[in-house]
């Protein structure tokens, strides 16, 4: 449990750090951190049940859903939250290890890690595509829940 908590905190901080690097305005850092942290939590939970690729798929769905909701709520582009929030899921280590195994002529291990990295990348893309297929009106309606209307 402590390990999961530490990983989620690390993903949250990493997402905020990536937001800083990406040039996201400071007022959006907390939302970006929430998107990254929740995405990583969903990944860890789904990975333990379904495996790595489906874990990334369900996590990508959660990240895009939150990103679209925050975008409506904060009146800004969804990419601010999506790009920062997807950062912890990107299979960079898998791609790096694939390259390493190729260099040391361990082609069986290179194939295995490379194939896993490709499955994760495709899962992320499918999760993004599925949620972006949902009508924007749904997110506008949900995003307005709890928001008080301003008097003109």
N, C-alpha and C. Protein backbone atom coordinates (compact mmCIF):
# COMPACT_ATOMS: atom_id res chain seq x y z
N UNK A 1 0.83 -1.20 0.00
CA UNK A 1 0.00 0.00 0.00
C UNK A 1 0.87 1.26 0.00
N UNK A 2 1.92 1.24 0.81
CA UNK A 2 2.83 2.39 0.85
C UNK A 2 3.51 2.57 -0.50
N UNK A 3 3.89 1.46 -1.13
CA UNK A 3 4.54 1.52 -2.43
C UNK A 3 3.62 2.16 -3.47
N UNK A 4 2.35 1.77 -3.46
CA UNK A 4 1.39 2.34 -4.41
C UNK A 4 1.24 3.84 -4.16
N UNK A 5 1.13 4.22 -2.89
CA UNK A 5 1.00 5.64 -2.53
C UNK A 5 2.22 6.43 -2.99
N UNK A 6 3.40 5.87 -2.78
CA UNK A 6 4.63 6.55 -3.20
C UNK A 6 4.69 6.67 -4.72
N UNK A 7 4.26 5.65 -5.43
CA UNK A 7 4.25 5.71 -6.89
C UNK A 7 3.27 6.77 -7.40
N UNK A 8 2.11 6.84 -6.78
CA UNK A 8 1.11 7.83 -7.20
C UNK A 8 1.63 9.24 -6.91
N UNK A 9 2.25 9.44 -5.76
CA UNK A 9 2.83 10.74 -5.43
C UNK A 9 3.94 11.08 -6.43
N UNK A 10 4.77 10.08 -6.75
CA UNK A 10 5.84 10.29 -7.73
C UNK A 10 5.29 10.65 -9.11
N UNK A 11 4.21 9.97 -9.51
CA UNK A 11 3.59 10.27 -10.81
C UNK A 11 2.99 11.67 -10.80
N UNK A 12 2.40 12.06 -9.69
CA UNK A 12 1.82 13.41 -9.57
C UNK A 12 2.90 14.47 -9.69
N UNK A 13 3.97 14.30 -8.94
CA UNK A 13 5.08 15.26 -8.98
C UNK A 13 5.74 15.26 -10.36
N UNK A 14 5.93 14.08 -10.93
CA UNK A 14 6.52 13.99 -12.27
C UNK A 14 5.67 14.67 -13.32
N UNK A 15 4.37 14.53 -13.19
CA UNK A 15 3.46 15.17 -14.14
C UNK A 15 3.53 16.69 -14.01
N UNK A 16 3.58 17.17 -12.78
CA UNK A 16 3.70 18.62 -12.57
C UNK A 16 5.03 19.12 -13.12
N UNK A 17 6.10 18.35 -12.89
CA UNK A 17 7.42 18.74 -13.42
C UNK A 17 7.40 18.77 -14.94
N UNK A 18 6.76 17.79 -15.55
CA UNK A 18 6.66 17.78 -17.01
C UNK A 18 5.82 18.96 -17.49
N UNK A 19 4.80 19.33 -16.73
CA UNK A 19 3.96 20.49 -17.07
C UNK A 19 4.81 21.75 -17.09
N UNK A 20 5.69 21.87 -16.12
CA UNK A 20 6.60 23.01 -16.06
C UNK A 20 7.50 23.04 -17.29
N UNK A 21 8.05 21.89 -17.63
CA UNK A 21 8.93 21.77 -18.80
C UNK A 21 8.18 22.06 -20.09
N UNK A 22 6.92 21.64 -20.15
CA UNK A 22 6.10 21.82 -21.35
C UNK A 22 5.56 23.23 -21.50
N UNK A 23 5.68 24.05 -20.45
CA UNK A 23 5.23 25.44 -20.53
C UNK A 23 3.78 25.64 -20.17
N UNK A 24 3.22 24.74 -19.38
CA UNK A 24 1.83 24.87 -18.93
C UNK A 24 1.76 26.02 -17.92
N UNK A 25 0.74 26.88 -18.02
CA UNK A 25 0.59 27.96 -17.02
C UNK A 25 0.47 27.39 -15.60
N UNK A 26 1.05 28.10 -14.64
CA UNK A 26 1.11 27.63 -13.26
C UNK A 26 -0.25 27.31 -12.66
N UNK A 27 -1.27 28.03 -13.06
CA UNK A 27 -2.59 27.81 -12.46
C UNK A 27 -3.16 26.43 -12.79
N UNK A 28 -2.60 25.75 -13.80
CA UNK A 28 -3.08 24.43 -14.17
C UNK A 28 -2.25 23.28 -13.58
N UNK A 29 -1.18 23.59 -12.86
CA UNK A 29 -0.33 22.54 -12.29
C UNK A 29 -1.10 21.55 -11.40
N UNK A 30 -1.95 22.04 -10.48
CA UNK A 30 -2.67 21.07 -9.63
C UNK A 30 -3.54 20.10 -10.44
N UNK A 31 -4.23 20.61 -11.44
CA UNK A 31 -5.08 19.74 -12.26
C UNK A 31 -4.24 18.75 -13.05
N UNK A 32 -3.13 19.20 -13.59
CA UNK A 32 -2.23 18.29 -14.32
C UNK A 32 -1.73 17.19 -13.39
N UNK A 33 -1.35 17.58 -12.17
CA UNK A 33 -0.89 16.60 -11.19
C UNK A 33 -1.96 15.58 -10.85
N UNK A 34 -3.19 16.04 -10.70
CA UNK A 34 -4.30 15.13 -10.40
C UNK A 34 -4.50 14.15 -11.56
N UNK A 35 -4.47 14.66 -12.78
CA UNK A 35 -4.65 13.79 -13.95
C UNK A 35 -3.55 12.72 -13.99
N UNK A 36 -2.31 13.13 -13.81
CA UNK A 36 -1.21 12.16 -13.83
C UNK A 36 -1.26 11.16 -12.68
N UNK A 37 -1.57 11.64 -11.48
CA UNK A 37 -1.64 10.76 -10.32
C UNK A 37 -2.79 9.76 -10.41
N UNK A 38 -3.96 10.24 -10.80
CA UNK A 38 -5.12 9.34 -10.94
C UNK A 38 -4.86 8.34 -12.08
N UNK A 39 -4.28 8.83 -13.16
CA UNK A 39 -3.96 7.93 -14.28
C UNK A 39 -3.03 6.81 -13.85
N UNK A 40 -2.01 7.15 -13.06
CA UNK A 40 -1.07 6.13 -12.60
C UNK A 40 -1.73 5.18 -11.61
N UNK A 41 -2.60 5.69 -10.75
CA UNK A 41 -3.31 4.82 -9.82
C UNK A 41 -4.19 3.83 -10.58
N UNK A 42 -4.90 4.30 -11.58
CA UNK A 42 -5.74 3.41 -12.40
C UNK A 42 -4.86 2.38 -13.10
N UNK A 43 -3.72 2.82 -13.60
CA UNK A 43 -2.79 1.90 -14.26
C UNK A 43 -2.35 0.78 -13.31
N UNK A 44 -1.93 1.15 -12.10
CA UNK A 44 -1.47 0.15 -11.15
C UNK A 44 -2.57 -0.85 -10.79
N UNK A 45 -3.77 -0.34 -10.57
CA UNK A 45 -4.89 -1.22 -10.22
C UNK A 45 -5.26 -2.13 -11.39
N UNK A 46 -5.39 -1.56 -12.58
CA UNK A 46 -5.79 -2.35 -13.75
C UNK A 46 -4.68 -3.32 -14.16
N UNK A 47 -3.44 -2.90 -14.02
CA UNK A 47 -2.31 -3.77 -14.39
C UNK A 47 -2.29 -5.03 -13.52
N UNK A 48 -2.61 -4.88 -12.25
CA UNK A 48 -2.60 -6.04 -11.36
C UNK A 48 -3.71 -7.03 -11.71
N UNK A 49 -4.77 -6.55 -12.34
CA UNK A 49 -5.89 -7.41 -12.69
C UNK A 49 -5.79 -7.92 -14.13
N UNK A 50 -5.51 -7.00 -15.08
CA UNK A 50 -5.59 -7.32 -16.50
C UNK A 50 -4.25 -7.44 -17.21
N UNK A 51 -3.18 -6.96 -16.63
CA UNK A 51 -1.88 -6.97 -17.29
C UNK A 51 -1.48 -5.57 -17.76
N UNK A 52 -0.28 -5.46 -18.28
CA UNK A 52 0.30 -4.17 -18.63
C UNK A 52 -0.46 -3.42 -19.71
N UNK A 53 -0.75 -4.07 -20.81
CA UNK A 53 -1.38 -3.38 -21.95
C UNK A 53 -2.78 -2.89 -21.60
N UNK A 54 -3.60 -3.74 -21.00
CA UNK A 54 -4.94 -3.31 -20.63
C UNK A 54 -4.91 -2.30 -19.48
N UNK A 55 -3.91 -2.41 -18.62
CA UNK A 55 -3.73 -1.40 -17.58
C UNK A 55 -3.49 -0.03 -18.19
N UNK A 56 -2.64 0.02 -19.21
CA UNK A 56 -2.39 1.28 -19.91
C UNK A 56 -3.64 1.77 -20.62
N UNK A 57 -4.42 0.86 -21.18
CA UNK A 57 -5.65 1.23 -21.87
C UNK A 57 -6.64 1.89 -20.92
N UNK A 58 -6.93 1.25 -19.79
CA UNK A 58 -7.88 1.80 -18.84
C UNK A 58 -7.36 3.10 -18.22
N UNK A 59 -6.06 3.16 -18.01
CA UNK A 59 -5.47 4.38 -17.48
C UNK A 59 -5.59 5.52 -18.48
N UNK A 60 -5.36 5.25 -19.75
CA UNK A 60 -5.50 6.28 -20.78
C UNK A 60 -6.93 6.79 -20.84
N UNK A 61 -7.89 5.89 -20.69
CA UNK A 61 -9.29 6.31 -20.67
C UNK A 61 -9.54 7.26 -19.51
N UNK A 62 -9.04 6.91 -18.33
CA UNK A 62 -9.23 7.77 -17.15
C UNK A 62 -8.54 9.12 -17.35
N UNK A 63 -7.36 9.12 -17.92
CA UNK A 63 -6.62 10.36 -18.14
C UNK A 63 -7.35 11.27 -19.11
N UNK A 64 -7.85 10.71 -20.20
CA UNK A 64 -8.55 11.54 -21.19
C UNK A 64 -9.88 12.05 -20.63
N UNK A 65 -10.60 11.21 -19.90
CA UNK A 65 -11.84 11.66 -19.28
C UNK A 65 -11.59 12.84 -18.35
N UNK A 66 -10.61 12.69 -17.47
CA UNK A 66 -10.28 13.79 -16.55
C UNK A 66 -9.79 15.03 -17.30
N UNK A 67 -8.99 14.81 -18.32
CA UNK A 67 -8.46 15.94 -19.10
C UNK A 67 -9.59 16.72 -19.77
N UNK A 68 -10.54 16.00 -20.32
CA UNK A 68 -11.66 16.68 -20.98
C UNK A 68 -12.53 17.41 -19.97
N UNK A 69 -12.72 16.81 -18.80
CA UNK A 69 -13.52 17.48 -17.76
C UNK A 69 -12.82 18.74 -17.24
N UNK A 70 -11.51 18.64 -16.99
CA UNK A 70 -10.77 19.81 -16.53
C UNK A 70 -10.73 20.90 -17.60
N UNK A 71 -10.63 20.50 -18.85
CA UNK A 71 -10.60 21.48 -19.94
C UNK A 71 -11.90 22.27 -20.00
N UNK A 72 -13.02 21.59 -19.82
CA UNK A 72 -14.31 22.29 -19.79
C UNK A 72 -14.40 23.19 -18.56
N UNK A 73 -13.99 22.65 -17.44
CA UNK A 73 -14.09 23.37 -16.16
C UNK A 73 -13.19 24.60 -16.14
N UNK A 74 -12.01 24.49 -16.69
CA UNK A 74 -11.02 25.58 -16.65
C UNK A 74 -11.03 26.43 -17.92
N UNK A 75 -11.87 26.09 -18.89
CA UNK A 75 -11.97 26.84 -20.16
C UNK A 75 -10.62 26.96 -20.86
N UNK A 76 -10.01 25.82 -21.12
CA UNK A 76 -8.72 25.80 -21.79
C UNK A 76 -8.63 24.54 -22.67
N UNK A 77 -7.61 24.43 -23.50
CA UNK A 77 -7.49 23.26 -24.37
C UNK A 77 -7.23 21.96 -23.58
N UNK A 78 -7.78 20.89 -24.05
CA UNK A 78 -7.64 19.59 -23.39
C UNK A 78 -6.19 19.11 -23.42
N UNK A 79 -5.42 19.53 -24.41
CA UNK A 79 -4.04 19.05 -24.53
C UNK A 79 -3.17 19.48 -23.36
N UNK A 80 -3.54 20.56 -22.68
CA UNK A 80 -2.77 20.99 -21.51
C UNK A 80 -2.72 19.87 -20.48
N UNK A 81 -3.84 19.23 -20.24
CA UNK A 81 -3.91 18.18 -19.23
C UNK A 81 -3.55 16.82 -19.81
N UNK A 82 -3.92 16.59 -21.05
CA UNK A 82 -3.70 15.28 -21.67
C UNK A 82 -2.22 14.97 -21.85
N UNK A 83 -1.49 15.89 -22.43
CA UNK A 83 -0.07 15.62 -22.71
C UNK A 83 0.71 15.47 -21.41
N UNK A 84 0.43 16.33 -20.44
CA UNK A 84 1.12 16.21 -19.16
C UNK A 84 0.69 14.94 -18.42
N UNK A 85 -0.59 14.62 -18.46
CA UNK A 85 -1.11 13.48 -17.71
C UNK A 85 -0.71 12.13 -18.27
N UNK A 86 -0.47 12.07 -19.56
CA UNK A 86 -0.12 10.80 -20.20
C UNK A 86 1.36 10.49 -19.99
N UNK A 87 2.13 11.48 -19.57
CA UNK A 87 3.58 11.34 -19.40
C UNK A 87 4.00 10.10 -18.59
N UNK A 88 3.39 9.82 -17.44
CA UNK A 88 3.84 8.63 -16.69
C UNK A 88 3.60 7.30 -17.40
N UNK A 89 2.68 7.27 -18.34
CA UNK A 89 2.35 6.01 -19.02
C UNK A 89 3.26 5.68 -20.20
N UNK A 90 3.91 6.68 -20.75
CA UNK A 90 4.69 6.48 -21.97
C UNK A 90 5.76 5.41 -21.73
N UNK A 91 5.83 4.41 -22.61
CA UNK A 91 6.74 3.28 -22.38
C UNK A 91 8.19 3.57 -22.75
N UNK A 92 8.73 4.65 -22.23
CA UNK A 92 10.10 5.04 -22.55
C UNK A 92 11.12 4.03 -22.09
N UNK A 93 10.93 3.47 -20.88
CA UNK A 93 11.88 2.49 -20.37
C UNK A 93 11.87 1.23 -21.24
N UNK A 94 10.70 0.83 -21.70
CA UNK A 94 10.61 -0.35 -22.57
C UNK A 94 11.33 -0.16 -23.88
N UNK A 95 11.20 1.03 -24.44
CA UNK A 95 11.89 1.33 -25.71
C UNK A 95 13.40 1.38 -25.48
N UNK A 96 13.81 1.98 -24.37
CA UNK A 96 15.24 2.06 -24.04
C UNK A 96 15.83 0.66 -23.83
N UNK A 97 15.10 -0.18 -23.10
CA UNK A 97 15.59 -1.54 -22.86
C UNK A 97 15.63 -2.36 -24.15
N UNK A 98 14.68 -2.12 -25.03
CA UNK A 98 14.69 -2.80 -26.33
C UNK A 98 15.96 -2.45 -27.10
N UNK A 99 16.30 -1.18 -27.10
CA UNK A 99 17.53 -0.74 -27.77
C UNK A 99 18.76 -1.38 -27.14
N UNK A 100 18.77 -1.43 -25.83
CA UNK A 100 19.90 -2.03 -25.11
C UNK A 100 20.06 -3.50 -25.49
N UNK A 101 18.94 -4.24 -25.47
CA UNK A 101 19.01 -5.67 -25.79
C UNK A 101 19.44 -5.90 -27.23
N UNK A 102 19.09 -5.01 -28.12
CA UNK A 102 19.56 -5.13 -29.51
C UNK A 102 21.07 -4.93 -29.58
N UNK A 103 21.56 -3.94 -28.84
CA UNK A 103 23.00 -3.65 -28.85
C UNK A 103 23.81 -4.82 -28.29
N UNK A 104 23.28 -5.48 -27.25
CA UNK A 104 24.02 -6.60 -26.64
C UNK A 104 23.67 -7.95 -27.28
N UNK A 105 22.97 -7.91 -28.41
CA UNK A 105 22.62 -9.10 -29.20
C UNK A 105 21.73 -10.11 -28.46
N UNK A 106 20.87 -9.61 -27.59
CA UNK A 106 19.88 -10.47 -26.94
C UNK A 106 18.54 -10.20 -27.63
N UNK A 107 18.38 -10.79 -28.81
CA UNK A 107 17.23 -10.47 -29.65
C UNK A 107 15.91 -11.01 -29.11
N UNK A 108 15.97 -12.10 -28.37
CA UNK A 108 14.73 -12.63 -27.78
C UNK A 108 14.18 -11.64 -26.75
N UNK A 109 15.05 -11.15 -25.90
CA UNK A 109 14.63 -10.18 -24.89
C UNK A 109 14.25 -8.85 -25.54
N UNK A 110 14.95 -8.47 -26.60
CA UNK A 110 14.61 -7.24 -27.33
C UNK A 110 13.22 -7.34 -27.94
N UNK A 111 12.91 -8.49 -28.52
CA UNK A 111 11.58 -8.68 -29.11
C UNK A 111 10.50 -8.61 -28.03
N UNK A 112 10.76 -9.26 -26.91
CA UNK A 112 9.75 -9.29 -25.84
C UNK A 112 9.50 -7.89 -25.27
N UNK A 113 10.55 -7.15 -24.94
CA UNK A 113 10.35 -5.81 -24.38
C UNK A 113 9.81 -4.84 -25.43
N UNK A 114 10.26 -4.98 -26.66
CA UNK A 114 9.77 -4.12 -27.74
C UNK A 114 8.30 -4.35 -28.02
N UNK A 115 7.90 -5.61 -28.03
CA UNK A 115 6.50 -5.94 -28.28
C UNK A 115 5.61 -5.41 -27.16
N UNK A 116 6.07 -5.52 -25.92
CA UNK A 116 5.31 -4.98 -24.79
C UNK A 116 5.19 -3.46 -24.90
N UNK A 117 6.28 -2.79 -25.27
CA UNK A 117 6.24 -1.33 -25.42
C UNK A 117 5.26 -0.92 -26.52
N UNK A 118 5.23 -1.66 -27.61
CA UNK A 118 4.30 -1.37 -28.70
C UNK A 118 2.86 -1.60 -28.24
N UNK A 119 2.62 -2.68 -27.49
CA UNK A 119 1.27 -2.94 -26.98
C UNK A 119 0.80 -1.80 -26.06
N UNK A 120 1.69 -1.32 -25.22
CA UNK A 120 1.34 -0.22 -24.32
C UNK A 120 1.04 1.04 -25.12
N UNK A 121 1.88 1.35 -26.10
CA UNK A 121 1.67 2.54 -26.92
C UNK A 121 0.33 2.47 -27.68
N UNK A 122 0.03 1.32 -28.25
CA UNK A 122 -1.24 1.15 -28.97
C UNK A 122 -2.41 1.24 -28.01
N UNK A 123 -2.27 0.69 -26.82
CA UNK A 123 -3.33 0.78 -25.82
C UNK A 123 -3.62 2.22 -25.43
N UNK A 124 -2.57 3.00 -25.27
CA UNK A 124 -2.74 4.42 -24.94
C UNK A 124 -3.48 5.13 -26.07
N UNK A 125 -3.08 4.89 -27.30
CA UNK A 125 -3.73 5.53 -28.44
C UNK A 125 -5.20 5.13 -28.53
N UNK A 126 -5.50 3.86 -28.35
CA UNK A 126 -6.89 3.42 -28.40
C UNK A 126 -7.73 4.05 -27.30
N UNK A 127 -7.17 4.17 -26.10
CA UNK A 127 -7.89 4.82 -25.01
C UNK A 127 -8.20 6.28 -25.34
N UNK A 128 -7.23 6.97 -25.91
CA UNK A 128 -7.42 8.37 -26.29
C UNK A 128 -8.50 8.48 -27.37
N UNK A 129 -8.41 7.65 -28.39
CA UNK A 129 -9.37 7.71 -29.50
C UNK A 129 -10.79 7.43 -29.03
N UNK A 130 -10.94 6.44 -28.18
CA UNK A 130 -12.28 6.08 -27.70
C UNK A 130 -12.92 7.23 -26.93
N UNK A 131 -12.19 7.85 -26.03
CA UNK A 131 -12.78 8.94 -25.23
C UNK A 131 -13.00 10.19 -26.08
N UNK A 132 -12.12 10.45 -27.03
CA UNK A 132 -12.36 11.61 -27.90
C UNK A 132 -13.53 11.37 -28.85
N UNK A 133 -13.97 10.14 -28.97
CA UNK A 133 -15.15 9.84 -29.77
C UNK A 133 -16.45 10.20 -29.07
N UNK A 134 -16.37 10.46 -27.77
CA UNK A 134 -17.57 10.84 -27.02
C UNK A 134 -17.93 12.30 -27.32
N UNK A 135 -19.21 12.61 -27.36
CA UNK A 135 -19.62 13.98 -27.69
C UNK A 135 -19.15 15.01 -26.66
N UNK A 136 -18.70 16.16 -27.14
CA UNK A 136 -18.23 17.24 -26.27
C UNK A 136 -19.35 17.74 -25.35
N UNK A 137 -20.57 17.68 -25.83
CA UNK A 137 -21.71 18.15 -25.04
C UNK A 137 -21.82 17.41 -23.71
N UNK A 138 -21.47 16.12 -23.68
CA UNK A 138 -21.51 15.36 -22.43
C UNK A 138 -20.56 15.97 -21.40
N UNK A 139 -19.37 16.33 -21.86
CA UNK A 139 -18.38 16.88 -20.94
C UNK A 139 -18.76 18.29 -20.51
N UNK A 140 -19.38 19.04 -21.40
CA UNK A 140 -19.85 20.37 -21.03
C UNK A 140 -20.93 20.28 -19.97
N UNK A 141 -21.82 19.31 -20.12
CA UNK A 141 -22.89 19.13 -19.14
C UNK A 141 -22.33 18.69 -17.79
N UNK A 142 -21.46 17.69 -17.81
CA UNK A 142 -20.87 17.18 -16.57
C UNK A 142 -19.97 18.24 -15.93
N UNK A 143 -19.22 18.97 -16.75
CA UNK A 143 -18.31 19.99 -16.23
C UNK A 143 -19.01 21.15 -15.55
N UNK A 144 -20.26 21.37 -15.88
CA UNK A 144 -21.01 22.48 -15.28
C UNK A 144 -21.66 22.10 -13.96
N UNK A 145 -21.65 20.82 -13.62
CA UNK A 145 -22.27 20.39 -12.36
C UNK A 145 -21.50 21.01 -11.20
N UNK A 146 -22.21 21.66 -10.33
CA UNK A 146 -21.60 22.27 -9.15
C UNK A 146 -21.02 23.65 -9.38
N UNK A 147 -21.09 24.17 -10.60
CA UNK A 147 -20.58 25.50 -10.90
C UNK A 147 -21.72 26.48 -10.78
N UNK A 148 -21.53 27.52 -9.98
CA UNK A 148 -22.57 28.52 -9.83
C UNK A 148 -22.53 29.47 -11.01
N UNK A 149 -23.74 29.83 -11.49
CA UNK A 149 -23.83 30.76 -12.61
C UNK A 149 -23.60 32.18 -12.11
N UNK A 150 -22.88 32.96 -12.94
CA UNK A 150 -22.63 34.36 -12.59
C UNK A 150 -23.82 35.19 -13.03
N UNK A 151 -24.16 36.17 -12.21
CA UNK A 151 -25.25 37.09 -12.58
C UNK A 151 -24.73 38.10 -13.60
N UNK A 152 -25.52 38.37 -14.67
CA UNK A 152 -25.03 39.30 -15.70
C UNK A 152 -25.10 40.73 -15.26
